[in-house]
Amino acid sequence: MCIACVLLCCRGRLPEVDTSDQKLASGQRVFERRCASCHNSNGDGKTITASRFPYANLIDGKWRGDGSQASIEKQVREGHDPMPKFEGKLTDEEIRNVSAYVLALAEAAKSKP
């Protein structure tokens, strides 16, 4: 088992997001498949790959853009070094859904004590 897997298993998975909404559930699946390796499954960016980059943490309220869904969609679509672009790799719907999920992660983190 790799060390990253051990670290992820030992850490609590927070924050929790209500994914009863089908779009958020779809966004979560895309996030887990394409984003969690850098941003961590909980969005905190504490991974071996990305922890040294200032915007890897998606739940601290610090955004490269203005933190709107449109800004997040643009980031996912176009990328910004070191983040790769996902245009052509994800559908427009997947980009919208994962952006909504990222916002939901950030909101859930803000509401945690």
Protein backbone atom coordinates (compact mmCIF):
# COMPACT_ATOMS: atom_id res chain seq x y z
CA MET A 1 0.00 0.00 0.00
CA CYS A 2 1.38 3.43 -0.88
CA ILE A 3 2.09 6.01 1.81
CA ALA A 4 -0.47 8.43 0.35
CA CYS A 5 -3.18 5.77 0.71
CA VAL A 6 -2.20 5.19 4.33
CA LEU A 7 -2.29 8.92 5.06
CA LEU A 8 -5.69 9.32 3.41
CA CYS A 9 -7.13 6.35 5.30
CA CYS A 10 -5.92 7.70 8.65
CA ARG A 11 -7.38 11.16 8.10
CA GLY A 12 -11.01 11.93 8.74
CA ARG A 13 -13.05 12.58 5.63
CA LEU A 14 -14.37 16.05 6.24
CA PRO A 15 -16.35 18.00 5.34
CA GLU A 16 -19.40 15.95 4.39
CA VAL A 17 -21.56 17.20 1.53
CA ASP A 18 -25.18 16.25 1.01
CA THR A 19 -25.04 14.56 -2.38
CA SER A 20 -28.72 13.65 -2.55
CA ASP A 21 -28.86 16.14 -5.43
CA GLN A 22 -28.02 14.16 -8.58
CA LYS A 23 -25.74 16.89 -9.97
CA LEU A 24 -23.72 17.06 -6.76
CA ALA A 25 -23.47 13.28 -6.67
CA SER A 26 -22.19 13.32 -10.25
CA GLY A 27 -19.76 16.12 -9.34
CA GLN A 28 -18.50 14.10 -6.40
CA ARG A 29 -17.81 11.10 -8.64
CA VAL A 30 -15.86 13.29 -11.08
CA PHE A 31 -13.98 14.93 -8.19
CA GLU A 32 -13.01 11.60 -6.67
CA ARG A 33 -11.91 10.24 -10.05
CA ARG A 34 -10.07 13.30 -11.42
CA CYS A 35 -9.35 15.81 -8.66
CA ALA A 36 -8.82 14.05 -5.33
CA SER A 37 -5.31 12.85 -6.19
CA CYS A 38 -4.16 16.48 -5.90
CA HIS A 39 -6.90 18.18 -3.88
CA ASN A 40 -7.51 15.25 -1.47
CA SER A 41 -10.86 13.56 -1.11
CA ASN A 42 -12.00 16.21 1.36
CA GLY A 43 -10.70 19.13 -0.72
CA ASP A 44 -8.05 20.31 1.75
CA GLY A 45 -5.20 19.90 -0.75
CA LYS A 46 -3.01 18.07 1.74
CA THR A 47 -1.49 15.55 -0.63
CA ILE A 48 2.07 14.70 -1.51
CA THR A 49 1.43 16.03 -5.00
CA ALA A 50 -0.09 19.42 -4.26
CA SER A 51 0.34 20.46 -0.63
CA ARG A 52 3.05 22.95 -1.58
CA PHE A 53 0.77 24.87 -3.95
CA PRO A 54 -1.22 27.74 -2.43
CA TYR A 55 -4.53 27.10 -4.22
CA ALA A 56 -4.66 23.31 -3.82
CA ASN A 57 -6.81 23.73 -0.71
CA LEU A 58 -10.38 24.16 -1.95
CA ILE A 59 -12.03 24.52 1.45
CA ASP A 60 -10.04 27.36 3.04
CA GLY A 61 -11.90 30.15 1.25
CA LYS A 62 -8.82 31.30 -0.69
CA TRP A 63 -9.46 31.14 -4.41
CA ARG A 64 -7.33 31.87 -7.45
CA GLY A 65 -10.40 33.62 -8.88
CA ASP A 66 -13.41 35.12 -7.14
CA GLY A 67 -14.76 31.80 -5.81
CA SER A 68 -17.88 31.85 -7.97
CA GLN A 69 -19.04 28.77 -9.80
CA ALA A 70 -18.20 30.46 -13.12
CA SER A 71 -14.66 31.14 -11.92
CA ILE A 72 -14.21 27.55 -10.74
CA GLU A 73 -15.59 26.24 -14.04
CA LYS A 74 -13.09 28.42 -15.91
CA GLN A 75 -10.24 27.07 -13.77
CA VAL A 76 -11.31 23.46 -14.39
CA ARG A 77 -11.83 24.09 -18.09
CA GLU A 78 -8.63 26.06 -18.81
CA GLY A 79 -6.35 24.97 -15.99
CA HIS A 80 -3.66 27.19 -14.52
CA ASP A 81 -0.16 25.97 -13.83
CA PRO A 82 0.28 23.50 -12.13
CA MET A 83 -3.36 22.41 -12.63
CA PRO A 84 -4.00 20.83 -16.01
CA LYS A 85 -6.91 21.86 -18.19
CA PHE A 86 -9.84 19.48 -18.34
CA GLU A 87 -11.55 20.91 -21.41
CA GLY A 88 -11.83 18.01 -23.83
CA LYS A 89 -11.24 15.52 -20.99
CA LEU A 90 -14.53 16.24 -19.19
CA THR A 91 -17.88 17.15 -20.71
CA ASP A 92 -19.43 20.57 -20.07
CA GLU A 93 -21.91 18.89 -17.74
CA GLU A 94 -19.14 17.17 -15.78
CA ILE A 95 -17.29 20.49 -15.44
CA ARG A 96 -20.47 22.21 -14.17
CA ASN A 97 -21.20 19.38 -11.74
CA VAL A 98 -17.67 19.15 -10.33
CA SER A 99 -17.60 22.95 -9.91
CA ALA A 100 -20.86 22.81 -7.98
CA TYR A 101 -19.43 20.02 -5.83
CA VAL A 102 -16.29 22.06 -5.09
CA LEU A 103 -18.48 24.97 -3.95
CA ALA A 104 -20.52 22.59 -1.78
CA LEU A 105 -17.29 21.27 -0.20
CA ALA A 106 -16.18 24.83 0.56
CA GLU A 107 -19.59 25.74 2.03
CA ALA A 108 -19.66 22.61 4.17
CA ALA A 109 -16.18 23.41 5.49
CA LYS A 110 -17.26 26.94 6.43
CA SER A 111 -20.16 25.58 8.47
CA LYS A 112 -17.93 23.15 10.44
CA PRO A 113 -16.99 24.39 13.92
